[in-house]
C-alpha atoms as a PDB file:
ATOM      1  CA  MET A   1     -81.736 -83.967  24.333  1.00  0.00           C
ATOM      2  CA  ASP A   2     -82.134 -81.814  27.516  1.00  0.00           C
ATOM      3  CA  ASP A   3     -80.798 -78.873  25.943  1.00  0.00           C
ATOM      4  CA  VAL A   4     -83.114 -78.991  23.131  1.00  0.00           C
ATOM      5  CA  ASP A   5     -86.125 -76.580  23.754  1.00  0.00           C
ATOM      6  CA  ILE A   6     -89.070 -78.168  22.158  1.00  0.00           C
ATOM      7  CA  THR A   7     -91.856 -75.976  24.184  1.00  0.00           C
ATOM      8  CA  GLY A   8     -92.573 -74.189  21.419  1.00  0.00           C
ATOM      9  CA  MET A   9     -94.617 -77.439  20.144  1.00  0.00           C
ATOM     10  CA  THR A  10     -97.621 -76.961  21.930  1.00  0.00           C
ATOM     11  CA  LEU A  11    -101.014 -77.722  21.041  1.00  0.00           C
ATOM     12  CA  GLU A  12    -102.178 -73.903  20.501  1.00  0.00           C
ATOM     13  CA  ALA A  13     -99.105 -73.584  18.642  1.00  0.00           C
ATOM     14  CA  MET A  14     -99.859 -76.256  16.273  1.00  0.00           C
ATOM     15  CA  GLN A  15    -103.585 -75.405  15.986  1.00  0.00           C
ATOM     16  CA  THR A  16    -102.582 -71.675  15.389  1.00  0.00           C
ATOM     17  CA  ARG A  17     -99.962 -72.720  12.330  1.00  0.00           C
ATOM     18  CA  ALA A  18    -102.671 -74.832  10.952  1.00  0.00           C
ATOM     19  CA  ALA A  19    -105.228 -71.863  10.746  1.00  0.00           C
ATOM     20  CA  ALA A  20    -102.404 -69.968   9.431  1.00  0.00           C
ATOM     21  CA  LEU A  21    -101.590 -72.295   6.252  1.00  0.00           C
ATOM     22  CA  ARG A  22    -105.303 -73.149   5.835  1.00  0.00           C
ATOM     23  CA  ASN A  23    -105.923 -71.227   2.804  1.00  0.00           C
ATOM     24  CA  ASP A  24    -103.098 -72.825   0.968  1.00  0.00           C
ATOM     25  CA  ILE A  25    -102.482 -76.334   2.334  1.00  0.00           C
ATOM     26  CA  LEU A  26    -104.938 -79.111   1.310  1.00  0.00           C
ATOM     27  CA  GLN A  27    -106.800 -81.022   4.181  1.00  0.00           C
ATOM     28  CA  THR A  28    -106.144 -84.569   2.799  1.00  0.00           C
ATOM     29  CA  PRO A  29    -108.931 -87.229   2.544  1.00  0.00           C
ATOM     30  CA  VAL A  30    -108.879 -90.171   5.066  1.00  0.00           C
ATOM     31  CA  VAL A  31    -110.447 -93.010   3.600  1.00  0.00           C
ATOM     32  CA  PRO A  32    -111.089 -96.420   5.137  1.00  0.00           C
ATOM     33  CA  LEU A  33    -108.994 -99.516   3.717  1.00  0.00           C
ATOM     34  CA  PHE A  34    -111.413-102.441   3.063  1.00  0.00           C
ATOM     35  CA  SER A  35    -108.993-105.047   2.363  1.00  0.00           C
ATOM     36  CA  SER A  36    -109.312-108.992   3.313  1.00  0.00           C
ATOM     37  CA  MET A  37    -105.274-108.960   2.690  1.00  0.00           C
ATOM     38  CA  VAL A  38    -104.879-106.394   5.397  1.00  0.00           C
ATOM     39  CA  SER A  39    -107.407-107.463   7.873  1.00  0.00           C
ATOM     40  CA  ASP A  40    -106.545-111.023   7.947  1.00  0.00           C
ATOM     41  CA  VAL A  41    -102.763-109.922   8.810  1.00  0.00           C
ATOM     42  CA  LEU A  42    -103.797-107.584  11.727  1.00  0.00           C
ATOM     43  CA  ASP A  43    -106.610-109.540  13.046  1.00  0.00           C
ATOM     44  CA  GLY A  44    -109.490-107.488  11.647  1.00  0.00           C
ATOM     45  CA  ALA A  45    -107.960-104.051  12.329  1.00  0.00           C
ATOM     46  CA  HIS A  46    -109.555-100.914  11.188  1.00  0.00           C
ATOM     47  CA  VAL A  47    -107.061 -99.020   9.035  1.00  0.00           C
ATOM     48  CA  ALA A  48    -107.830 -95.262   7.957  1.00  0.00           C
ATOM     49  CA  LEU A  49    -105.249 -93.996   5.254  1.00  0.00           C
ATOM     50  CA  LYS A  50    -104.173 -90.533   5.657  1.00  0.00           C
ATOM     51  CA  LEU A  51    -103.817 -89.444   2.030  1.00  0.00           C
ATOM     52  CA  GLU A  52    -101.132 -86.847   1.903  1.00  0.00           C
ATOM     53  CA  CYS A  53    -100.160 -88.124  -1.754  1.00  0.00           C
ATOM     54  CA  PHE A  54    -102.538 -85.931  -2.671  1.00  0.00           C
ATOM     55  CA  GLN A  55    -101.153 -82.699  -1.047  1.00  0.00           C
ATOM     56  CA  HIS A  56     -99.929 -80.111  -3.114  1.00  0.00           C
ATOM     57  CA  THR A  57     -96.685 -81.207  -4.506  1.00  0.00           C
ATOM     58  CA  GLY A  58     -97.438 -84.652  -4.330  1.00  0.00           C
ATOM     59  CA  THR A  59     -96.275 -85.165  -0.622  1.00  0.00           C
ATOM     60  CA  PHE A  60     -96.623 -83.760   2.937  1.00  0.00           C
ATOM     61  CA  LYS A  61     -93.623 -81.586   2.501  1.00  0.00           C
ATOM     62  CA  ALA A  62     -95.499 -78.783   1.094  1.00  0.00           C
ATOM     63  CA  ARG A  63     -96.416 -78.183   4.997  1.00  0.00           C
ATOM     64  CA  GLY A  64     -93.229 -77.727   6.175  1.00  0.00           C
ATOM     65  CA  ALA A  65     -92.089 -75.656   3.467  1.00  0.00           C
ATOM     66  CA  LEU A  66     -94.783 -73.035   3.513  1.00  0.00           C
ATOM     67  CA  SER A  67     -94.583 -73.312   7.260  1.00  0.00           C
ATOM     68  CA  VAL A  68     -90.827 -72.148   7.158  1.00  0.00           C
ATOM     69  CA  ALA A  69     -91.421 -70.033   4.250  1.00  0.00           C
ATOM     70  CA  ARG A  70     -94.177 -68.175   6.103  1.00  0.00           C
ATOM     71  CA  SER A  71     -92.482 -67.646   9.317  1.00  0.00           C
ATOM     72  CA  LEU A  72     -89.910 -64.900   7.288  1.00  0.00           C
ATOM     73  CA  ASP A  73     -90.774 -61.560   7.457  1.00  0.00           C
ATOM     74  CA  ASP A  74     -90.879 -59.674   4.508  1.00  0.00           C
ATOM     75  CA  ASP A  75     -87.432 -57.993   4.388  1.00  0.00           C
ATOM     76  CA  THR A  76     -86.056 -61.769   4.889  1.00  0.00           C
ATOM     77  CA  ARG A  77     -88.317 -63.070   2.156  1.00  0.00           C
ATOM     78  CA  GLY A  78     -86.725 -60.502  -0.201  1.00  0.00           C
ATOM     79  CA  ARG A  79     -83.555 -62.432  -0.057  1.00  0.00           C
ATOM     80  CA  GLY A  80     -84.965 -65.645  -1.630  1.00  0.00           C
ATOM     81  CA  ILE A  81     -84.389 -69.105  -0.148  1.00  0.00           C
ATOM     82  CA  THR A  82     -82.581 -71.981  -0.750  1.00  0.00           C
ATOM     83  CA  ALA A  83     -82.901 -75.948  -0.218  1.00  0.00           C
ATOM     84  CA  ALA A  84     -81.078 -79.128  -0.524  1.00  0.00           C
ATOM     85  CA  SER A  85     -82.805 -82.133  -1.500  1.00  0.00           C
ATOM     86  CA  ALA A  86     -82.888 -85.403  -3.521  1.00  0.00           C
ATOM     87  CA  GLY A  87     -86.317 -84.402  -4.921  1.00  0.00           C
ATOM     88  CA  ASN A  88     -89.487 -83.603  -2.694  1.00  0.00           C
ATOM     89  CA  HIS A  89     -88.108 -81.086  -0.769  1.00  0.00           C
ATOM     90  CA  ALA A  90     -86.707 -79.190  -3.159  1.00  0.00           C
ATOM     91  CA  ILE A  91     -90.233 -79.393  -5.452  1.00  0.00           C
ATOM     92  CA  ALA A  92     -91.971 -78.239  -1.986  1.00  0.00           C
ATOM     93  CA  ALA A  93     -89.399 -75.391  -1.033  1.00  0.00           C
ATOM     94  CA  GLY A  94     -89.982 -74.039  -4.953  1.00  0.00           C
ATOM     95  CA  TRP A  95     -93.712 -74.367  -4.445  1.00  0.00           C
ATOM     96  CA  ALA A  96     -93.812 -72.282  -1.506  1.00  0.00           C
ATOM     97  CA  ALA A  97     -91.814 -69.552  -2.834  1.00  0.00           C
ATOM     98  CA  ALA A  98     -93.737 -69.328  -5.653  1.00  0.00           C
ATOM     99  CA  LYS A  99     -97.017 -68.978  -3.600  1.00  0.00           C
ATOM    100  CA  LEU A 100     -95.303 -66.065  -1.565  1.00  0.00           C
ATOM    101  CA  GLY A 101     -93.804 -64.668  -4.783  1.00  0.00           C
ATOM    102  CA  ILE A 102     -90.084 -65.170  -3.451  1.00  0.00           C
ATOM    103  CA  SER A 103     -86.921 -66.336  -5.485  1.00  0.00           C
ATOM    104  CA  ALA A 104     -86.088 -69.413  -5.130  1.00  0.00           C
ATOM    105  CA  LYS A 105     -82.838 -71.482  -6.114  1.00  0.00           C
ATOM    106  CA  VAL A 106     -82.921 -75.326  -4.994  1.00  0.00           C
ATOM    107  CA  VAL A 107     -79.775 -77.838  -4.849  1.00  0.00           C
ATOM    108  CA  MET A 108     -80.429 -81.054  -5.978  1.00  0.00           C
ATOM    109  CA  GLN A 109     -78.267 -84.375  -5.954  1.00  0.00           C
ATOM    110  CA  ASP A 110     -77.075 -85.086  -9.312  1.00  0.00           C
ATOM    111  CA  ASN A 111     -78.611 -88.916  -9.016  1.00  0.00           C
ATOM    112  CA  ALA A 112     -81.854 -87.347  -8.304  1.00  0.00           C
ATOM    113  CA  ASN A 113     -84.861 -88.510 -10.355  1.00  0.00           C
ATOM    114  CA  PRO A 114     -85.414 -86.665 -13.534  1.00  0.00           C
ATOM    115  CA  PHE A 115     -89.068 -86.867 -12.855  1.00  0.00           C
ATOM    116  CA  ARG A 116     -88.647 -84.936  -9.557  1.00  0.00           C
ATOM    117  CA  VAL A 117     -86.045 -82.616 -11.161  1.00  0.00           C
ATOM    118  CA  ASP A 118     -88.422 -81.547 -13.567  1.00  0.00           C
ATOM    119  CA  LEU A 119     -91.395 -81.171 -11.293  1.00  0.00           C
ATOM    120  CA  ALA A 120     -88.902 -78.987  -9.130  1.00  0.00           C
ATOM    121  CA  ARG A 121     -88.314 -76.716 -12.174  1.00  0.00           C
ATOM    122  CA  ALA A 122     -92.070 -76.616 -13.025  1.00  0.00           C
ATOM    123  CA  THR A 123     -92.420 -74.720  -9.678  1.00  0.00           C
ATOM    124  CA  GLY A 124     -90.378 -71.840 -11.237  1.00  0.00           C
ATOM    125  CA  ALA A 125     -87.211 -72.616  -8.992  1.00  0.00           C
ATOM    126  CA  GLU A 126     -83.562 -72.497 -10.562  1.00  0.00           C
ATOM    127  CA  VAL A 127     -82.503 -75.826 -10.305  1.00  0.00           C
ATOM    128  CA  ILE A 128     -78.628 -76.343  -9.204  1.00  0.00           C
ATOM    129  CA  MET A 129     -77.451 -80.075  -9.676  1.00  0.00           C
ATOM    130  CA  LYS A 130     -74.472 -81.240  -7.431  1.00  0.00           C
ATOM    131  CA  PRO A 131     -72.932 -84.717  -6.291  1.00  0.00           C
ATOM    132  CA  PRO A 132     -75.088 -86.006  -3.451  1.00  0.00           C
ATOM    133  CA  GLY A 133     -74.629 -85.662   0.370  1.00  0.00           C
ATOM    134  CA  ALA A 134     -72.462 -83.216   1.768  1.00  0.00           C
ATOM    135  CA  GLU A 135     -71.622 -81.339  -1.605  1.00  0.00           C
ATOM    136  CA  THR A 136     -75.379 -80.877  -1.939  1.00  0.00           C
ATOM    137  CA  PHE A 137     -75.826 -79.241   1.025  1.00  0.00           C
ATOM    138  CA  ALA A 138     -72.592 -77.313   0.552  1.00  0.00           C
ATOM    139  CA  GLY A 139     -74.114 -75.662  -2.814  1.00  0.00           C
ATOM    140  CA  ALA A 140     -76.973 -74.303  -0.573  1.00  0.00           C
ATOM    141  CA  GLU A 141     -74.461 -72.911   1.972  1.00  0.00           C
ATOM    142  CA  ARG A 142     -72.747 -71.178  -0.707  1.00  0.00           C
ATOM    143  CA  LEU A 143     -75.998 -69.396  -1.589  1.00  0.00           C
ATOM    144  CA  VAL A 144     -76.671 -68.432   1.687  1.00  0.00           C
ATOM    145  CA  ARG A 145     -73.472 -66.994   2.166  1.00  0.00           C
ATOM    146  CA  GLU A 146     -72.819 -65.510  -1.532  1.00  0.00           C
ATOM    147  CA  GLU A 147     -76.495 -64.331  -2.161  1.00  0.00           C
ATOM    148  CA  GLY A 148     -77.878 -63.910   1.358  1.00  0.00           C
ATOM    149  CA  ARG A 149     -80.483 -66.555   0.816  1.00  0.00           C
ATOM    150  CA  ILE A 150     -82.516 -68.246   3.767  1.00  0.00           C
ATOM    151  CA  PHE A 151     -81.817 -71.958   3.785  1.00  0.00           C
ATOM    152  CA  ILE A 152     -85.179 -73.858   4.407  1.00  0.00           C
ATOM    153  CA  HIS A 153     -84.085 -77.138   5.880  1.00  0.00           C
ATOM    154  CA  PRO A 154     -85.658 -80.412   4.763  1.00  0.00           C
ATOM    155  CA  PHE A 155     -86.654 -81.698   7.980  1.00  0.00           C
ATOM    156  CA  GLU A 156     -85.253 -80.050  10.740  1.00  0.00           C
ATOM    157  CA  GLY A 157     -86.706 -77.193  13.190  1.00  0.00           C
ATOM    158  CA  LEU A 158     -89.524 -75.655  14.673  1.00  0.00           C
ATOM    159  CA  HIS A 159     -91.251 -74.198  11.741  1.00  0.00           C
ATOM    160  CA  THR A 160     -91.061 -77.566   9.934  1.00  0.00           C
ATOM    161  CA  SER A 161     -92.519 -79.691  12.655  1.00  0.00           C
ATOM    162  CA  LEU A 162     -95.412 -77.128  13.238  1.00  0.00           C
ATOM    163  CA  GLY A 163     -96.289 -77.319   9.736  1.00  0.00           C
ATOM    164  CA  THR A 164     -96.288 -81.083   9.510  1.00  0.00           C
ATOM    165  CA  ALA A 165     -98.373 -81.180  12.902  1.00  0.00           C
ATOM    166  CA  GLY A 166    -101.151 -80.171  10.671  1.00  0.00           C
ATOM    167  CA  VAL A 167    -101.196 -83.869   9.516  1.00  0.00           C
ATOM    168  CA  GLY A 168    -101.491 -85.350  13.041  1.00  0.00           C
ATOM    169  CA  LEU A 169    -104.372 -82.763  13.922  1.00  0.00           C
ATOM    170  CA  GLU A 170    -106.158 -83.529  10.891  1.00  0.00           C
ATOM    171  CA  LEU A 171    -106.050 -86.838  11.157  1.00  0.00           C
ATOM    172  CA  MET A 172    -107.071 -87.047  15.002  1.00  0.00           C
ATOM    173  CA  ALA A 173    -110.279 -84.886  13.780  1.00  0.00           C
ATOM    174  CA  GLN A 174    -111.183 -86.983  10.857  1.00  0.00           C
ATOM    175  CA  VAL A 175    -111.175 -90.402  12.679  1.00  0.00           C
ATOM    176  CA  ALA A 176    -112.507 -91.062  16.103  1.00  0.00           C
ATOM    177  CA  ASP A 177    -110.943 -92.848  18.563  1.00  0.00           C
ATOM    178  CA  LEU A 178    -107.637 -94.003  16.987  1.00  0.00           C
ATOM    179  CA  ASP A 179    -105.446 -96.394  19.093  1.00  0.00           C
ATOM    180  CA  ALA A 180    -102.223 -96.474  16.818  1.00  0.00           C
ATOM    181  CA  VAL A 181    -100.657 -94.002  14.022  1.00  0.00           C
ATOM    182  CA  VAL A 182     -97.971 -95.335  11.554  1.00  0.00           C
ATOM    183  CA  VAL A 183     -95.632 -92.839   9.848  1.00  0.00           C
ATOM    184  CA  SER A 184     -92.672 -93.318   7.615  1.00  0.00           C
ATOM    185  CA  VAL A 185     -89.475 -91.599   8.910  1.00  0.00           C
ATOM    186  CA  GLY A 186     -86.614 -90.053   7.094  1.00  0.00           C
ATOM    187  CA  GLY A 187     -85.061 -87.118   8.667  1.00  0.00           C
ATOM    188  CA  GLY A 188     -87.867 -86.999  11.124  1.00  0.00           C
ATOM    189  CA  GLY A 189     -89.733 -83.708   9.999  1.00  0.00           C
ATOM    190  CA  LEU A 190     -93.050 -85.510   9.145  1.00  0.00           C
ATOM    191  CA  ILE A 191     -93.129 -88.005  12.587  1.00  0.00           C
ATOM    192  CA  SER A 192     -91.999 -85.069  14.711  1.00  0.00           C
ATOM    193  CA  GLY A 193     -94.976 -83.028  14.048  1.00  0.00           C
ATOM    194  CA  VAL A 194     -97.600 -85.810  13.474  1.00  0.00           C
ATOM    195  CA  ALA A 195     -96.363 -87.426  16.883  1.00  0.00           C
ATOM    196  CA  ALA A 196     -96.296 -84.278  18.619  1.00  0.00           C
ATOM    197  CA  ALA A 197    -100.069 -83.329  17.420  1.00  0.00           C
ATOM    198  CA  VAL A 198    -101.206 -86.892  18.301  1.00  0.00           C
ATOM    199  CA  LYS A 199    -100.380 -86.978  21.618  1.00  0.00           C
ATOM    200  CA  ALA A 200    -101.458 -83.259  22.095  1.00  0.00           C
ATOM    201  CA  VAL A 201    -104.825 -84.581  21.106  1.00  0.00           C
ATOM    202  CA  ASN A 202    -104.778 -88.000  22.810  1.00  0.00           C
ATOM    203  CA  PRO A 203    -101.938 -89.061  24.995  1.00  0.00           C
ATOM    204  CA  ALA A 204    -103.161 -92.620  25.057  1.00  0.00           C
ATOM    205  CA  CYS A 205    -102.858 -92.828  21.060  1.00  0.00           C
ATOM    206  CA  ARG A 206     -99.474 -94.903  20.184  1.00  0.00           C
ATOM    207  CA  VAL A 207     -97.170 -93.464  17.308  1.00  0.00           C
ATOM    208  CA  TYR A 208     -94.958 -95.772  15.343  1.00  0.00           C
ATOM    209  CA  GLY A 209     -91.935 -94.576  12.866  1.00  0.00           C
ATOM    210  CA  VAL A 210     -90.998 -97.010  10.121  1.00  0.00           C
ATOM    211  CA  GLU A 211     -87.258 -96.659   8.673  1.00  0.00           C
ATOM    212  CA  PRO A 212     -85.655 -98.602   5.743  1.00  0.00           C
ATOM    213  CA  GLU A 213     -83.003-100.834   7.337  1.00  0.00           C
ATOM    214  CA  GLY A 214     -80.504 -99.088   5.333  1.00  0.00           C
ATOM    215  CA  ALA A 215     -81.126 -95.725   6.347  1.00  0.00           C
ATOM    216  CA  ASP A 216     -82.131 -95.997  10.112  1.00  0.00           C
ATOM    217  CA  SER A 217     -80.653 -92.878  11.618  1.00  0.00           C
ATOM    218  CA  MET A 218     -83.710 -92.322  14.092  1.00  0.00           C
ATOM    219  CA  SER A 219     -83.545 -95.596  15.189  1.00  0.00           C
ATOM    220  CA  GLN A 220     -79.942 -95.582  16.056  1.00  0.00           C
ATOM    221  CA  SER A 221     -80.417 -91.908  17.615  1.00  0.00           C
ATOM    222  CA  LEU A 222     -83.183 -93.089  19.820  1.00  0.00           C
ATOM    223  CA  ALA A 223     -81.148 -96.110  21.025  1.00  0.00           C
ATOM    224  CA  ALA A 224     -78.065 -93.804  21.669  1.00  0.00           C
ATOM    225  CA  GLY A 225     -79.936 -90.905  23.586  1.00  0.00           C
ATOM    226  CA  ALA A 226     -78.650 -88.456  20.730  1.00  0.00           C
ATOM    227  CA  PRO A 227     -78.558 -87.683  17.062  1.00  0.00           C
ATOM    228  CA  VAL A 228     -76.282 -90.152  15.043  1.00  0.00           C
ATOM    229  CA  THR A 229     -74.854 -89.666  11.732  1.00  0.00           C
ATOM    230  CA  LEU A 230     -74.779 -92.996   9.449  1.00  0.00           C
ATOM    231  CA  ASP A 231     -71.451 -93.743   7.534  1.00  0.00           C
ATOM    232  CA  ARG A 232     -73.680 -95.122   4.992  1.00  0.00           C
ATOM    233  CA  VAL A 233     -77.396 -94.926   3.293  1.00  0.00           C
ATOM    234  CA  ASP A 234     -78.493 -97.979   1.093  1.00  0.00           C
ATOM    235  CA  THR A 235     -82.393 -97.873   0.476  1.00  0.00           C
ATOM    236  CA  ILE A 236     -84.528 -97.444  -2.875  1.00  0.00           C
ATOM    237  CA  ALA A 237     -86.581 -95.056  -0.244  1.00  0.00           C
ATOM    238  CA  ASP A 238     -84.422 -92.086  -1.363  1.00  0.00           C
ATOM    239  CA  SER A 239     -87.109 -89.797   0.158  1.00  0.00           C
ATOM    240  CA  LEU A 240     -86.142 -91.676   3.624  1.00  0.00           C
ATOM    241  CA  GLY A 241     -82.286 -91.643   2.990  1.00  0.00           C
ATOM    242  CA  PRO A 242     -80.917 -88.456   5.088  1.00  0.00           C
ATOM    243  CA  PRO A 243     -78.050 -89.961   6.684  1.00  0.00           C
ATOM    244  CA  MET A 244     -78.621 -88.035  10.089  1.00  0.00           C
ATOM    245  CA  ALA A 245     -81.048 -87.374  13.012  1.00  0.00           C
ATOM    246  CA  LEU A 246     -80.872 -83.633  14.198  1.00  0.00           C
ATOM    247  CA  PRO A 247     -81.580 -82.354  17.542  1.00  0.00           C
ATOM    248  CA  PHE A 248     -85.015 -80.748  17.304  1.00  0.00           C
ATOM    249  CA  GLY A 249     -86.461 -83.580  15.575  1.00  0.00           C
ATOM    250  CA  HIS A 250     -84.778 -86.106  17.575  1.00  0.00           C
ATOM    251  CA  ALA A 251     -85.972 -84.463  20.892  1.00  0.00           C
ATOM    252  CA  LEU A 252     -89.714 -84.622  19.816  1.00  0.00           C
ATOM    253  CA  CYS A 253     -89.359 -88.212  18.833  1.00  0.00           C
ATOM    254  CA  ALA A 254     -87.666 -89.199  21.955  1.00  0.00           C
ATOM    255  CA  VAL A 255     -90.637 -87.567  23.951  1.00  0.00           C
ATOM    256  CA  TYR A 256     -93.755 -88.594  21.431  1.00  0.00           C
ATOM    257  CA  VAL A 257     -92.877 -91.632  19.273  1.00  0.00           C
ATOM    258  CA  ASP A 258     -93.214 -94.956  21.272  1.00  0.00           C
ATOM    259  CA  ASP A 259     -91.268 -97.158  18.836  1.00  0.00           C
ATOM    260  CA  VAL A 260     -89.512 -96.671  15.158  1.00  0.00           C
ATOM    261  CA  VAL A 261     -89.141 -99.968  13.588  1.00  0.00           C
ATOM    262  CA  THR A 262     -86.878-100.761  10.429  1.00  0.00           C
ATOM    263  CA  VAL A 263     -88.169-102.668   7.244  1.00  0.00           C
ATOM    264  CA  SER A 264     -86.330-104.218   4.173  1.00  0.00           C
ATOM    265  CA  ASP A 265     -86.384-102.892   0.765  1.00  0.00           C
ATOM    266  CA  ASP A 266     -88.064-105.914  -0.429  1.00  0.00           C
ATOM    267  CA  ALA A 267     -90.762-105.334   2.275  1.00  0.00           C
ATOM    268  CA  ILE A 268     -90.895-101.613   1.228  1.00  0.00           C
ATOM    269  CA  CYS A 269     -91.744-102.533  -2.268  1.00  0.00           C
ATOM    270  CA  ALA A 270     -94.247-105.413  -1.295  1.00  0.00           C
ATOM    271  CA  GLY A 271     -95.988-102.357   0.861  1.00  0.00           C
ATOM    272  CA  MET A 272     -96.173-100.592  -2.589  1.00  0.00           C
ATOM    273  CA  VAL A 273     -98.111-103.685  -3.786  1.00  0.00           C
ATOM    274  CA  VAL A 274    -100.373-103.689  -0.985  1.00  0.00           C
ATOM    275  CA  LEU A 275    -101.285-100.206  -1.457  1.00  0.00           C
ATOM    276  CA  GLN A 276    -101.595-100.447  -5.323  1.00  0.00           C
ATOM    277  CA  GLN A 277    -103.829-103.728  -4.800  1.00  0.00           C
ATOM    278  CA  ALA A 278    -105.989-102.773  -1.714  1.00  0.00           C
ATOM    279  CA  ALA A 279    -106.274 -99.172  -1.892  1.00  0.00           C
ATOM    280  CA  LYS A 280    -105.633 -98.415  -5.969  1.00  0.00           C
ATOM    281  CA  LEU A 281    -102.818 -96.063  -4.960  1.00  0.00           C
ATOM    282  CA  ALA A 282     -99.773 -95.785  -6.845  1.00  0.00           C
ATOM    283  CA  VAL A 283     -97.143 -94.524  -4.264  1.00  0.00           C
ATOM    284  CA  GLU A 284     -93.440 -94.105  -3.751  1.00  0.00           C
ATOM    285  CA  PRO A 285     -91.449 -96.355  -1.714  1.00  0.00           C
ATOM    286  CA  ALA A 286     -91.468 -93.673   1.509  1.00  0.00           C
ATOM    287  CA  ALA A 287     -95.321 -94.381   1.319  1.00  0.00           C
ATOM    288  CA  GLY A 288     -94.737 -98.302   0.847  1.00  0.00           C
ATOM    289  CA  ALA A 289     -92.790 -98.309   4.123  1.00  0.00           C
ATOM    290  CA  ALA A 290     -95.339 -97.187   6.517  1.00  0.00           C
ATOM    291  CA  MET A 291     -97.593-100.243   4.982  1.00  0.00           C
ATOM    292  CA  ALA A 292     -94.781-102.874   5.216  1.00  0.00           C
ATOM    293  CA  GLY A 293     -93.944-101.696   8.966  1.00  0.00           C
ATOM    294  CA  ALA A 294     -97.565-102.097   9.716  1.00  0.00           C
ATOM    295  CA  LEU A 295     -97.793-105.506   8.225  1.00  0.00           C
ATOM    296  CA  GLY A 296     -94.512-106.596   9.320  1.00  0.00           C
ATOM    297  CA  PRO A 297     -92.981-105.794  12.674  1.00  0.00           C
ATOM    298  CA  LEU A 298     -95.758-103.722  13.886  1.00  0.00           C
ATOM    299  CA  ARG A 299     -98.322-106.087  13.271  1.00  0.00           C
ATOM    300  CA  GLY A 300     -98.603-107.483  16.966  1.00  0.00           C
ATOM    301  CA  HIS A 301     -98.870-103.833  18.116  1.00  0.00           C
ATOM    302  CA  LEU A 302    -101.945-103.162  15.600  1.00  0.00           C
ATOM    303  CA  ALA A 303    -103.598-106.505  15.728  1.00  0.00           C
ATOM    304  CA  GLY A 304    -107.447-105.675  16.142  1.00  0.00           C
ATOM    305  CA  ARG A 305    -106.924-101.990  16.584  1.00  0.00           C
ATOM    306  CA  ARG A 306    -108.161 -98.776  15.162  1.00  0.00           C
ATOM    307  CA  VAL A 307    -105.022 -97.434  13.255  1.00  0.00           C
ATOM    308  CA  GLY A 308    -104.001 -94.611  11.048  1.00  0.00           C
ATOM    309  CA  LEU A 309    -101.496 -94.945   8.510  1.00  0.00           C
ATOM    310  CA  ILE A 310     -99.773 -91.775   6.761  1.00  0.00           C
ATOM    311  CA  VAL A 311     -99.558 -92.386   3.232  1.00  0.00           C
ATOM    312  CA  CYS A 312     -96.686 -89.656   2.830  1.00  0.00           C
ATOM    313  CA  GLY A 313     -96.317 -89.275  -0.698  1.00  0.00           C
ATOM    314  CA  ALA A 314     -96.634 -90.248  -4.525  1.00  0.00           C
ATOM    315  CA  ASN A 315     -93.769 -88.892  -6.852  1.00  0.00           C
ATOM    316  CA  ILE A 316     -92.529 -91.587  -8.656  1.00  0.00           C
ATOM    317  CA  ASP A 317     -92.092 -92.044 -12.478  1.00  0.00           C
ATOM    318  CA  THR A 318     -93.603 -94.866 -14.349  1.00  0.00           C
ATOM    319  CA  ASP A 319     -90.753 -96.906 -15.069  1.00  0.00           C
ATOM    320  CA  SER A 320     -89.399 -96.858 -11.368  1.00  0.00           C
ATOM    321  CA  TYR A 321     -92.622 -97.576 -10.192  1.00  0.00           C
ATOM    322  CA  LEU A 322     -93.134-100.749 -12.181  1.00  0.00           C
ATOM    323  CA  THR A 323     -89.878-101.962 -11.664  1.00  0.00           C
ATOM    324  CA  GLN A 324     -90.409-101.605  -7.578  1.00  0.00           C
ATOM    325  CA  LEU A 325     -93.783-103.109  -7.969  1.00  0.00           C
ATOM    326  CA  ALA A 326     -92.406-106.104  -9.820  1.00  0.00           C
ATOM    327  CA  ARG A 327     -90.078-106.554  -6.862  1.00  0.00           C
ATOM    328  CA  GLY A 328     -92.895-106.027  -4.473  1.00  0.00           C
ATOM    329  CA  GLN A 329     -94.909-108.602  -6.167  1.00  0.00           C
ATOM    330  CA  ALA A 330     -92.063-111.537  -5.408  1.00  0.00           C
ATOM    331  CA  ALA A 331     -91.603-109.928  -1.815  1.00  0.00           C
ATOM    332  CA  LEU A 332     -95.284-109.995  -0.688  1.00  0.00           C
ATOM    333  CA  PRO A 333     -95.908-113.785   0.289  1.00  0.00           C
ATOM    334  CA  ASP A 334     -93.007-113.005   2.968  1.00  0.00           C
ATOM    335  CA  LEU A 335     -94.574-109.863   4.139  1.00  0.00           C
ATOM    336  CA  LEU A 336     -97.926-111.607   4.440  1.00  0.00           C
ATOM    337  CA  SER A 337     -96.859-114.414   5.993  1.00  0.00           C
END
């Protein structure tokens, strides 16, 4: 971590980037969660939901993708972009390219949800399907090598984190005196920016991450003091399934994140149920993970506090949602006990 330069993540830099993106990125709403179910578990905590599920493309990913794309000069943009993704980042990269009028070829895992594949194609991007894992990234690398395209990483790098920092800056301006913020964690692109922004505005505010038990690369990386690559990923939350943490995101998390906890897939589904019943939100598992973490392993830290919870996305098809909701109904008593 010592040789990773994170000095570019200043409050001024984050504010400048947020201002540069303001005309294209939505300032998503924050709503208070009035729920006896949640209040009983969290001892009367005041919970505010930051609704990034209403962002362009259906997730926070639009922020990072556009931030990276806008950092390219005109000559570089003319070469076009590529991305590797199981879904949400491909959608966001295609959307960002369309915003800037540049070519996009995105490589998606061939086990990606067809609903997300259709959303990526709807941006105007050319979608190339490859087997999941290394072959997906290799496909994007080939486009960089053979066509000169610029690779927009799904979660790593200064410009990605500067983009996602806008979530934290908005939340801190929208809700006064927060004690804690809860964020789902995949590769670390969201939490790295949110945590840096939150701590820049209020160093006393705690930032907690939540990972699936079967995709806990950031937890393991923070424990090891260096980025870790998992041998295997096993979770329904495919948006939280990158098999590794990487140096820049890990370095920011090591400095600004207070703790990262893990939750089971059953708990994630139960978190989706809570958001449906208490907030009337139909979200994807990645968002359910944040609620599961808040009501599960983090409840002792959040009890009676003022809490911001990032609802990171809602790109899910009806059939998958209903299946996971049924699973969550069965698991809900355990989450609330």
